[in-house]
Amino acid sequence: MCGQANKGVNDIFREMRRKNQALSQEECTAVLHRGTSGVLALLGDDGYPYAVPMSYVYDGEKLYFHSARNGHKLDAIRRDPRASFCVIDKDLIVPERYTSYFRSVILFGTIRILSDEQEKRMAIEKLAVKYAPDDTVENRHKSIKQEWIPLCMLEMTLEHISGKEAIELVREKR
């Protein structure tokens, strides 16, 4: 099971009930690398949850997101940096069985707004390479330069990762 945690905080995250459906650390990592988007959940205004779809990149340790410099998301992060992020890798509807064959990963951690220019540049480079891997370095740098002033980069430090898949997918592996 992924159940990876940092900072000795594993005891504050719930244990998965159906452990036989848990993804291994390697499977969680593969889902995070192959995924193109997920849903970021934050504590929004007046205590309401705020969930927003986001593109991301996972570098094996942290997640990075790009954002505008202002808005609900940044207000929420400034108020409380704790967050959850979910990536859905598979969602095959099986109507005759009234179910779906799913695979997903959920991460918990804290988000910080990158203010250091070098950190911000490193993060946007990783994101750009993920989404345009065949682009030239020159074109990537030109595109980043055009968007640099309004660009905000976010870094999520992970505290807990868990992944799960439908029992039918577990059985297919056997």
N, C-alpha and C. Protein backbone atom coordinates (compact mmCIF):
# COMPACT_ATOMS: atom_id res chain seq x y z
N MET A 1 0.85 -1.18 0.00
CA MET A 1 0.00 0.00 0.00
C MET A 1 0.88 1.23 0.00
N CYS A 2 0.45 2.28 -0.69
CA CYS A 2 1.24 3.51 -0.76
C CYS A 2 1.47 4.09 0.61
N GLY A 3 0.43 4.36 1.35
CA GLY A 3 0.51 4.90 2.68
C GLY A 3 1.79 5.61 3.06
N GLN A 4 2.46 6.24 2.12
CA GLN A 4 3.71 6.94 2.40
C GLN A 4 3.42 8.20 3.18
N ALA A 5 4.26 8.47 4.17
CA ALA A 5 4.08 9.69 4.95
C ALA A 5 5.41 10.31 5.29
N ASN A 6 5.41 11.60 5.46
CA ASN A 6 6.57 12.34 5.93
C ASN A 6 6.23 12.88 7.31
N LYS A 7 7.21 13.41 7.98
CA LYS A 7 7.04 14.13 9.24
C LYS A 7 6.43 13.31 10.36
N GLY A 8 6.37 11.99 10.26
CA GLY A 8 5.79 11.18 11.32
C GLY A 8 4.33 11.46 11.58
N VAL A 9 3.58 11.81 10.55
CA VAL A 9 2.18 12.18 10.73
C VAL A 9 1.22 11.07 10.28
N ASN A 10 1.75 9.90 10.02
CA ASN A 10 0.92 8.82 9.50
C ASN A 10 -0.28 8.52 10.38
N ASP A 11 -0.14 8.72 11.70
CA ASP A 11 -1.21 8.38 12.61
C ASP A 11 -2.42 9.32 12.51
N ILE A 12 -2.29 10.48 11.85
CA ILE A 12 -3.45 11.36 11.73
C ILE A 12 -4.27 11.07 10.47
N PHE A 13 -3.75 10.22 9.61
CA PHE A 13 -4.49 9.87 8.40
C PHE A 13 -5.14 8.51 8.59
N ARG A 14 -6.35 8.41 8.10
CA ARG A 14 -7.11 7.17 8.28
C ARG A 14 -6.48 6.01 7.52
N GLU A 15 -6.58 4.86 8.11
CA GLU A 15 -6.11 3.65 7.48
C GLU A 15 -7.15 3.20 6.45
N MET A 16 -6.70 2.68 5.34
CA MET A 16 -7.62 2.22 4.31
C MET A 16 -8.36 0.97 4.80
N ARG A 17 -9.67 0.96 4.63
CA ARG A 17 -10.47 -0.18 5.07
C ARG A 17 -10.20 -1.43 4.22
N ARG A 18 -10.19 -1.26 2.93
CA ARG A 18 -10.02 -2.41 2.03
C ARG A 18 -8.57 -2.47 1.54
N LYS A 19 -7.72 -2.93 2.44
CA LYS A 19 -6.28 -2.95 2.18
C LYS A 19 -5.90 -3.77 0.96
N ASN A 20 -6.70 -4.78 0.64
CA ASN A 20 -6.39 -5.62 -0.52
C ASN A 20 -6.56 -4.85 -1.84
N GLN A 21 -7.18 -3.67 -1.79
CA GLN A 21 -7.35 -2.86 -2.98
C GLN A 21 -6.34 -1.71 -3.04
N ALA A 22 -5.47 -1.64 -2.07
CA ALA A 22 -4.49 -0.56 -2.01
C ALA A 22 -3.45 -0.71 -3.11
N LEU A 23 -3.06 0.41 -3.67
CA LEU A 23 -1.99 0.42 -4.66
C LEU A 23 -0.64 0.43 -3.94
N SER A 24 0.34 -0.18 -4.55
CA SER A 24 1.71 -0.15 -4.01
C SER A 24 2.29 1.25 -4.23
N GLN A 25 3.40 1.51 -3.58
CA GLN A 25 4.09 2.79 -3.77
C GLN A 25 4.44 2.99 -5.24
N GLU A 26 4.90 1.95 -5.90
CA GLU A 26 5.28 2.04 -7.31
C GLU A 26 4.06 2.36 -8.18
N GLU A 27 2.93 1.74 -7.88
CA GLU A 27 1.71 2.00 -8.64
C GLU A 27 1.22 3.43 -8.42
N CYS A 28 1.30 3.91 -7.19
CA CYS A 28 0.90 5.30 -6.90
C CYS A 28 1.78 6.26 -7.70
N THR A 29 3.07 6.00 -7.69
CA THR A 29 4.01 6.85 -8.42
C THR A 29 3.70 6.84 -9.91
N ALA A 30 3.41 5.67 -10.46
CA ALA A 30 3.08 5.57 -11.89
C ALA A 30 1.82 6.37 -12.22
N VAL A 31 0.80 6.28 -11.37
CA VAL A 31 -0.43 7.04 -11.58
C VAL A 31 -0.12 8.53 -11.59
N LEU A 32 0.68 8.98 -10.63
CA LEU A 32 1.00 10.40 -10.53
C LEU A 32 1.80 10.89 -11.73
N HIS A 33 2.69 10.06 -12.25
CA HIS A 33 3.47 10.47 -13.42
C HIS A 33 2.62 10.46 -14.69
N ARG A 34 1.71 9.53 -14.80
CA ARG A 34 0.93 9.42 -16.03
C ARG A 34 -0.26 10.38 -16.04
N GLY A 35 -0.74 10.78 -14.88
CA GLY A 35 -1.90 11.66 -14.80
C GLY A 35 -1.62 13.04 -15.38
N THR A 36 -2.66 13.68 -15.86
CA THR A 36 -2.52 15.01 -16.43
C THR A 36 -3.26 16.07 -15.64
N SER A 37 -4.20 15.65 -14.80
CA SER A 37 -4.92 16.61 -13.98
C SER A 37 -5.49 15.91 -12.76
N GLY A 38 -5.89 16.72 -11.81
CA GLY A 38 -6.50 16.20 -10.60
C GLY A 38 -7.34 17.31 -9.99
N VAL A 39 -7.85 17.04 -8.81
CA VAL A 39 -8.67 18.02 -8.12
C VAL A 39 -7.98 18.38 -6.80
N LEU A 40 -7.71 19.66 -6.66
CA LEU A 40 -7.08 20.20 -5.45
C LEU A 40 -8.19 20.65 -4.51
N ALA A 41 -8.15 20.18 -3.28
CA ALA A 41 -9.16 20.54 -2.28
C ALA A 41 -8.50 21.35 -1.17
N LEU A 42 -9.13 22.47 -0.88
CA LEU A 42 -8.63 23.42 0.13
C LEU A 42 -9.78 23.81 1.05
N LEU A 43 -9.44 24.49 2.13
CA LEU A 43 -10.46 25.07 3.00
C LEU A 43 -10.79 26.44 2.43
N GLY A 44 -11.99 26.56 1.88
CA GLY A 44 -12.39 27.79 1.21
C GLY A 44 -13.00 28.81 2.14
N ASP A 45 -13.72 29.73 1.55
CA ASP A 45 -14.35 30.81 2.31
C ASP A 45 -15.40 30.27 3.28
N ASP A 46 -15.46 30.89 4.44
CA ASP A 46 -16.45 30.56 5.48
C ASP A 46 -16.47 29.08 5.85
N GLY A 47 -15.31 28.40 5.72
CA GLY A 47 -15.21 27.00 6.10
C GLY A 47 -15.75 26.01 5.10
N TYR A 48 -16.20 26.50 3.94
CA TYR A 48 -16.67 25.59 2.90
C TYR A 48 -15.48 24.96 2.20
N PRO A 49 -15.58 23.69 1.85
CA PRO A 49 -14.52 23.09 1.03
C PRO A 49 -14.47 23.79 -0.32
N TYR A 50 -13.28 23.91 -0.87
CA TYR A 50 -13.10 24.49 -2.21
C TYR A 50 -12.25 23.50 -2.99
N ALA A 51 -12.80 22.94 -4.04
CA ALA A 51 -12.10 21.97 -4.87
C ALA A 51 -12.03 22.50 -6.29
N VAL A 52 -10.83 22.43 -6.86
CA VAL A 52 -10.62 23.01 -8.18
C VAL A 52 -9.74 22.07 -9.02
N PRO A 53 -10.15 21.82 -10.27
CA PRO A 53 -9.32 20.98 -11.14
C PRO A 53 -8.02 21.71 -11.48
N MET A 54 -6.93 20.95 -11.49
CA MET A 54 -5.61 21.54 -11.73
C MET A 54 -4.74 20.60 -12.56
N SER A 55 -3.95 21.20 -13.43
CA SER A 55 -2.84 20.47 -14.06
C SER A 55 -1.70 20.47 -13.04
N TYR A 56 -0.84 19.47 -13.12
CA TYR A 56 0.22 19.35 -12.12
C TYR A 56 1.40 18.60 -12.70
N VAL A 57 2.49 18.62 -11.96
CA VAL A 57 3.62 17.75 -12.26
C VAL A 57 4.10 17.19 -10.93
N TYR A 58 4.48 15.93 -10.95
CA TYR A 58 5.01 15.23 -9.79
C TYR A 58 6.46 14.91 -10.08
N ASP A 59 7.37 15.33 -9.21
CA ASP A 59 8.79 15.09 -9.47
C ASP A 59 9.36 13.94 -8.65
N GLY A 60 8.48 13.14 -8.06
CA GLY A 60 8.93 12.02 -7.24
C GLY A 60 8.95 12.37 -5.76
N GLU A 61 8.86 13.66 -5.46
CA GLU A 61 8.83 14.11 -4.06
C GLU A 61 7.71 15.09 -3.79
N LYS A 62 7.51 16.03 -4.72
CA LYS A 62 6.54 17.10 -4.51
C LYS A 62 5.68 17.25 -5.76
N LEU A 63 4.55 17.95 -5.57
CA LEU A 63 3.70 18.32 -6.69
C LEU A 63 3.86 19.81 -6.93
N TYR A 64 3.75 20.20 -8.21
CA TYR A 64 3.82 21.61 -8.57
C TYR A 64 2.62 21.95 -9.44
N PHE A 65 2.08 23.15 -9.21
CA PHE A 65 0.93 23.65 -9.94
C PHE A 65 1.23 25.08 -10.38
N HIS A 66 0.59 25.53 -11.45
CA HIS A 66 0.68 26.95 -11.80
C HIS A 66 -0.66 27.58 -11.52
N SER A 67 -0.63 28.89 -11.32
CA SER A 67 -1.84 29.58 -10.91
C SER A 67 -1.73 31.05 -11.27
N ALA A 68 -2.86 31.71 -11.27
CA ALA A 68 -2.84 33.17 -11.33
C ALA A 68 -2.36 33.67 -9.96
N ARG A 69 -1.99 34.92 -9.88
CA ARG A 69 -1.45 35.48 -8.64
C ARG A 69 -2.51 35.81 -7.60
N ASN A 70 -3.78 35.84 -8.00
CA ASN A 70 -4.85 36.20 -7.08
C ASN A 70 -6.03 35.27 -7.29
N GLY A 71 -6.90 35.20 -6.30
CA GLY A 71 -8.13 34.44 -6.44
C GLY A 71 -8.42 33.57 -5.23
N HIS A 72 -9.50 32.84 -5.34
CA HIS A 72 -10.01 32.01 -4.26
C HIS A 72 -8.96 31.01 -3.78
N LYS A 73 -8.31 30.35 -4.73
CA LYS A 73 -7.32 29.32 -4.41
C LYS A 73 -6.19 29.89 -3.56
N LEU A 74 -5.62 31.01 -3.98
CA LEU A 74 -4.50 31.59 -3.22
C LEU A 74 -4.96 32.14 -1.88
N ASP A 75 -6.15 32.71 -1.82
CA ASP A 75 -6.69 33.16 -0.54
C ASP A 75 -6.80 31.99 0.43
N ALA A 76 -7.29 30.87 -0.07
CA ALA A 76 -7.45 29.67 0.77
C ALA A 76 -6.09 29.15 1.24
N ILE A 77 -5.10 29.12 0.36
CA ILE A 77 -3.77 28.63 0.72
C ILE A 77 -3.13 29.55 1.77
N ARG A 78 -3.29 30.83 1.61
CA ARG A 78 -2.73 31.78 2.59
C ARG A 78 -3.38 31.60 3.96
N ARG A 79 -4.66 31.29 3.96
CA ARG A 79 -5.41 31.12 5.20
C ARG A 79 -5.03 29.81 5.89
N ASP A 80 -4.88 28.74 5.10
CA ASP A 80 -4.58 27.41 5.64
C ASP A 80 -3.90 26.61 4.53
N PRO A 81 -2.61 26.33 4.65
CA PRO A 81 -1.88 25.66 3.57
C PRO A 81 -2.15 24.16 3.43
N ARG A 82 -2.93 23.59 4.32
CA ARG A 82 -3.23 22.15 4.21
C ARG A 82 -4.13 21.90 3.01
N ALA A 83 -3.83 20.79 2.31
CA ALA A 83 -4.56 20.50 1.08
C ALA A 83 -4.63 19.00 0.84
N SER A 84 -5.54 18.64 -0.03
CA SER A 84 -5.64 17.29 -0.54
C SER A 84 -5.71 17.38 -2.06
N PHE A 85 -5.15 16.39 -2.74
CA PHE A 85 -5.17 16.37 -4.20
C PHE A 85 -5.49 14.95 -4.63
N CYS A 86 -6.42 14.82 -5.58
CA CYS A 86 -6.84 13.51 -6.05
C CYS A 86 -6.63 13.40 -7.56
N VAL A 87 -6.01 12.31 -7.97
CA VAL A 87 -5.81 12.02 -9.39
C VAL A 87 -6.58 10.74 -9.72
N ILE A 88 -7.46 10.81 -10.71
CA ILE A 88 -8.21 9.63 -11.15
C ILE A 88 -7.50 9.08 -12.38
N ASP A 89 -7.04 7.86 -12.26
CA ASP A 89 -6.28 7.22 -13.34
C ASP A 89 -7.18 6.40 -14.25
N LYS A 90 -8.23 5.84 -13.67
CA LYS A 90 -9.13 5.00 -14.46
C LYS A 90 -10.52 5.11 -13.87
N ASP A 91 -11.52 5.14 -14.75
CA ASP A 91 -12.92 5.18 -14.32
C ASP A 91 -13.76 4.57 -15.43
N LEU A 92 -13.74 3.27 -15.49
CA LEU A 92 -14.47 2.54 -16.52
C LEU A 92 -15.84 2.13 -15.98
N ILE A 93 -16.89 2.72 -16.52
CA ILE A 93 -18.25 2.40 -16.08
C ILE A 93 -18.64 1.03 -16.61
N VAL A 94 -19.16 0.19 -15.72
CA VAL A 94 -19.62 -1.15 -16.07
C VAL A 94 -21.10 -1.21 -15.71
N PRO A 95 -21.97 -0.76 -16.65
CA PRO A 95 -23.40 -0.63 -16.33
C PRO A 95 -24.07 -1.93 -15.92
N GLU A 96 -23.70 -3.02 -16.55
CA GLU A 96 -24.36 -4.29 -16.23
C GLU A 96 -24.04 -4.77 -14.82
N ARG A 97 -23.00 -4.22 -14.20
CA ARG A 97 -22.64 -4.59 -12.83
C ARG A 97 -22.91 -3.45 -11.85
N TYR A 98 -23.46 -2.33 -12.37
CA TYR A 98 -23.76 -1.16 -11.53
C TYR A 98 -22.52 -0.71 -10.75
N THR A 99 -21.43 -0.62 -11.46
CA THR A 99 -20.18 -0.22 -10.79
C THR A 99 -19.24 0.45 -11.78
N SER A 100 -18.10 0.84 -11.29
CA SER A 100 -17.03 1.31 -12.16
C SER A 100 -15.73 0.65 -11.72
N TYR A 101 -14.88 0.41 -12.68
CA TYR A 101 -13.55 -0.11 -12.39
C TYR A 101 -12.66 1.12 -12.31
N PHE A 102 -12.26 1.47 -11.12
CA PHE A 102 -11.56 2.73 -10.88
C PHE A 102 -10.14 2.49 -10.37
N ARG A 103 -9.33 3.50 -10.51
CA ARG A 103 -7.99 3.55 -9.91
C ARG A 103 -7.71 5.01 -9.63
N SER A 104 -7.32 5.33 -8.41
CA SER A 104 -7.05 6.72 -8.06
C SER A 104 -6.02 6.81 -6.95
N VAL A 105 -5.45 8.00 -6.85
CA VAL A 105 -4.47 8.29 -5.80
C VAL A 105 -4.90 9.59 -5.12
N ILE A 106 -4.82 9.60 -3.80
CA ILE A 106 -5.12 10.80 -3.02
C ILE A 106 -3.88 11.16 -2.22
N LEU A 107 -3.55 12.44 -2.25
CA LEU A 107 -2.39 12.96 -1.52
C LEU A 107 -2.84 14.01 -0.52
N PHE A 108 -2.16 14.07 0.60
CA PHE A 108 -2.39 15.10 1.60
C PHE A 108 -1.06 15.79 1.86
N GLY A 109 -1.11 17.08 2.10
CA GLY A 109 0.10 17.81 2.40
C GLY A 109 -0.17 19.28 2.58
N THR A 110 0.89 20.05 2.45
CA THR A 110 0.77 21.50 2.59
C THR A 110 1.30 22.16 1.32
N ILE A 111 0.70 23.30 1.00
CA ILE A 111 1.07 24.04 -0.21
C ILE A 111 1.71 25.35 0.19
N ARG A 112 2.74 25.70 -0.54
CA ARG A 112 3.32 27.03 -0.37
C ARG A 112 3.43 27.70 -1.73
N ILE A 113 3.30 29.01 -1.68
CA ILE A 113 3.42 29.82 -2.89
C ILE A 113 4.91 30.11 -3.06
N LEU A 114 5.45 29.74 -4.20
CA LEU A 114 6.89 29.94 -4.43
C LEU A 114 7.15 31.41 -4.73
N SER A 115 8.04 31.99 -3.94
CA SER A 115 8.39 33.40 -4.16
C SER A 115 9.82 33.54 -4.67
N ASP A 116 10.66 32.56 -4.38
CA ASP A 116 12.04 32.58 -4.86
C ASP A 116 12.03 32.36 -6.38
N GLU A 117 12.66 33.26 -7.12
CA GLU A 117 12.66 33.20 -8.59
C GLU A 117 13.23 31.90 -9.13
N GLN A 118 14.30 31.38 -8.48
CA GLN A 118 14.92 30.14 -8.94
C GLN A 118 13.98 28.95 -8.73
N GLU A 119 13.34 28.88 -7.57
CA GLU A 119 12.39 27.80 -7.29
C GLU A 119 11.21 27.86 -8.26
N LYS A 120 10.72 29.06 -8.48
CA LYS A 120 9.60 29.26 -9.40
C LYS A 120 9.98 28.80 -10.81
N ARG A 121 11.17 29.16 -11.25
CA ARG A 121 11.65 28.77 -12.58
C ARG A 121 11.79 27.25 -12.71
N MET A 122 12.36 26.63 -11.68
CA MET A 122 12.53 25.18 -11.68
C MET A 122 11.16 24.49 -11.77
N ALA A 123 10.19 24.99 -11.03
CA ALA A 123 8.85 24.39 -11.02
C ALA A 123 8.16 24.53 -12.37
N ILE A 124 8.21 25.71 -12.97
CA ILE A 124 7.53 25.90 -14.26
C ILE A 124 8.23 25.11 -15.36
N GLU A 125 9.53 24.95 -15.26
CA GLU A 125 10.26 24.12 -16.24
C GLU A 125 9.77 22.67 -16.17
N LYS A 126 9.63 22.15 -14.96
CA LYS A 126 9.14 20.77 -14.80
C LYS A 126 7.75 20.62 -15.40
N LEU A 127 6.89 21.59 -15.13
CA LEU A 127 5.53 21.55 -15.65
C LEU A 127 5.53 21.63 -17.18
N ALA A 128 6.34 22.53 -17.72
CA ALA A 128 6.41 22.70 -19.18
C ALA A 128 6.91 21.44 -19.87
N VAL A 129 7.92 20.81 -19.31
CA VAL A 129 8.47 19.59 -19.91
C VAL A 129 7.44 18.47 -19.88
N LYS A 130 6.65 18.39 -18.80
CA LYS A 130 5.62 17.35 -18.72
C LYS A 130 4.58 17.52 -19.82
N TYR A 131 4.11 18.74 -20.02
CA TYR A 131 2.99 18.96 -20.93
C TYR A 131 3.41 19.23 -22.37
N ALA A 132 4.67 19.56 -22.60
CA ALA A 132 5.17 19.76 -23.97
C ALA A 132 6.56 19.14 -24.07
N PRO A 133 6.65 17.81 -23.91
CA PRO A 133 7.97 17.15 -23.86
C PRO A 133 8.78 17.25 -25.15
N ASP A 134 8.11 17.44 -26.27
CA ASP A 134 8.82 17.49 -27.54
C ASP A 134 9.14 18.91 -28.00
N ASP A 135 8.77 19.90 -27.20
CA ASP A 135 9.04 21.29 -27.57
C ASP A 135 10.54 21.55 -27.45
N THR A 136 11.01 22.54 -28.17
CA THR A 136 12.42 22.91 -28.08
C THR A 136 12.66 23.72 -26.81
N VAL A 137 13.87 23.69 -26.33
CA VAL A 137 14.24 24.47 -25.15
C VAL A 137 14.01 25.95 -25.42
N GLU A 138 14.36 26.40 -26.62
CA GLU A 138 14.20 27.81 -26.98
C GLU A 138 12.73 28.24 -26.92
N ASN A 139 11.86 27.43 -27.50
CA ASN A 139 10.45 27.77 -27.50
C ASN A 139 9.86 27.73 -26.09
N ARG A 140 10.28 26.73 -25.30
CA ARG A 140 9.81 26.63 -23.92
C ARG A 140 10.21 27.89 -23.15
N HIS A 141 11.47 28.31 -23.28
CA HIS A 141 11.94 29.51 -22.57
C HIS A 141 11.20 30.76 -23.03
N LYS A 142 10.91 30.84 -24.31
CA LYS A 142 10.16 31.99 -24.84
C LYS A 142 8.75 32.03 -24.26
N SER A 143 8.09 30.87 -24.22
CA SER A 143 6.73 30.79 -23.67
C SER A 143 6.70 31.14 -22.19
N ILE A 144 7.68 30.64 -21.45
CA ILE A 144 7.75 30.93 -20.02
C ILE A 144 7.99 32.42 -19.80
N LYS A 145 8.87 32.99 -20.59
CA LYS A 145 9.18 34.43 -20.46
C LYS A 145 7.93 35.28 -20.69
N GLN A 146 7.10 34.90 -21.68
CA GLN A 146 5.87 35.65 -21.98
C GLN A 146 4.88 35.63 -20.82
N GLU A 147 4.86 34.55 -20.07
CA GLU A 147 3.88 34.39 -18.98
C GLU A 147 4.47 34.64 -17.59
N TRP A 148 5.74 35.00 -17.51
CA TRP A 148 6.45 35.06 -16.24
C TRP A 148 5.84 36.04 -15.23
N ILE A 149 5.52 37.24 -15.65
CA ILE A 149 5.06 38.27 -14.71
C ILE A 149 3.77 37.84 -14.00
N PRO A 150 2.73 37.40 -14.71
CA PRO A 150 1.51 37.02 -13.99
C PRO A 150 1.55 35.61 -13.39
N LEU A 151 2.64 34.88 -13.61
CA LEU A 151 2.71 33.47 -13.20
C LEU A 151 2.94 33.32 -11.71
N CYS A 152 2.18 32.42 -11.12
CA CYS A 152 2.37 32.03 -9.73
C CYS A 152 2.57 30.51 -9.73
N MET A 153 3.55 30.05 -9.00
CA MET A 153 3.80 28.61 -8.90
C MET A 153 3.57 28.16 -7.46
N LEU A 154 2.96 26.99 -7.34
CA LEU A 154 2.65 26.41 -6.05
C LEU A 154 3.39 25.09 -5.90
N GLU A 155 3.84 24.82 -4.68
CA GLU A 155 4.54 23.57 -4.38
C GLU A 155 3.81 22.86 -3.25
N MET A 156 3.48 21.60 -3.47
CA MET A 156 2.82 20.80 -2.43
C MET A 156 3.81 19.81 -1.86
N THR A 157 4.10 19.96 -0.57
CA THR A 157 4.92 19.00 0.16
C THR A 157 4.00 17.91 0.67
N LEU A 158 4.31 16.68 0.35
CA LEU A 158 3.42 15.56 0.65
C LEU A 158 3.64 15.01 2.04
N GLU A 159 2.53 14.74 2.71
CA GLU A 159 2.58 14.15 4.04
C GLU A 159 2.01 12.74 4.03
N HIS A 160 1.12 12.46 3.09
CA HIS A 160 0.51 11.13 3.03
C HIS A 160 0.01 10.87 1.60
N ILE A 161 0.25 9.65 1.13
CA ILE A 161 -0.22 9.23 -0.19
C ILE A 161 -0.92 7.89 -0.04
N SER A 162 -2.08 7.77 -0.66
CA SER A 162 -2.73 6.46 -0.72
C SER A 162 -3.37 6.29 -2.08
N GLY A 163 -3.40 5.07 -2.53
CA GLY A 163 -4.02 4.76 -3.80
C GLY A 163 -4.88 3.53 -3.67
N LYS A 164 -5.90 3.47 -4.49
CA LYS A 164 -6.83 2.35 -4.41
C LYS A 164 -7.37 2.07 -5.80
N GLU A 165 -7.73 0.78 -6.01
CA GLU A 165 -8.36 0.41 -7.27
C GLU A 165 -9.48 -0.59 -7.01
N ALA A 166 -10.35 -0.69 -7.98
CA ALA A 166 -11.49 -1.61 -7.87
C ALA A 166 -10.99 -3.03 -7.68
N ILE A 167 -11.73 -3.81 -6.92
CA ILE A 167 -11.36 -5.20 -6.66
C ILE A 167 -11.22 -6.00 -7.96
N GLU A 168 -12.00 -5.64 -8.97
CA GLU A 168 -11.91 -6.34 -10.26
C GLU A 168 -10.55 -6.12 -10.92
N LEU A 169 -9.97 -4.94 -10.74
CA LEU A 169 -8.64 -4.68 -11.29
C LEU A 169 -7.57 -5.42 -10.49
N VAL A 170 -7.78 -5.55 -9.19
CA VAL A 170 -6.86 -6.32 -8.35
C VAL A 170 -6.85 -7.77 -8.82
N ARG A 171 -8.03 -8.30 -9.07
CA ARG A 171 -8.15 -9.71 -9.51
C ARG A 171 -7.49 -9.94 -10.86
N GLU A 172 -7.55 -8.93 -11.75
CA GLU A 172 -6.91 -9.08 -13.08
C GLU A 172 -5.40 -9.25 -12.97
N LYS A 173 -4.80 -8.72 -11.93
CA LYS A 173 -3.34 -8.80 -11.74
C LYS A 173 -2.89 -10.19 -11.31
N ARG A 174 -3.80 -10.93 -10.74
CA ARG A 174 -3.42 -12.25 -10.20
C ARG A 174 -3.20 -13.27 -11.27
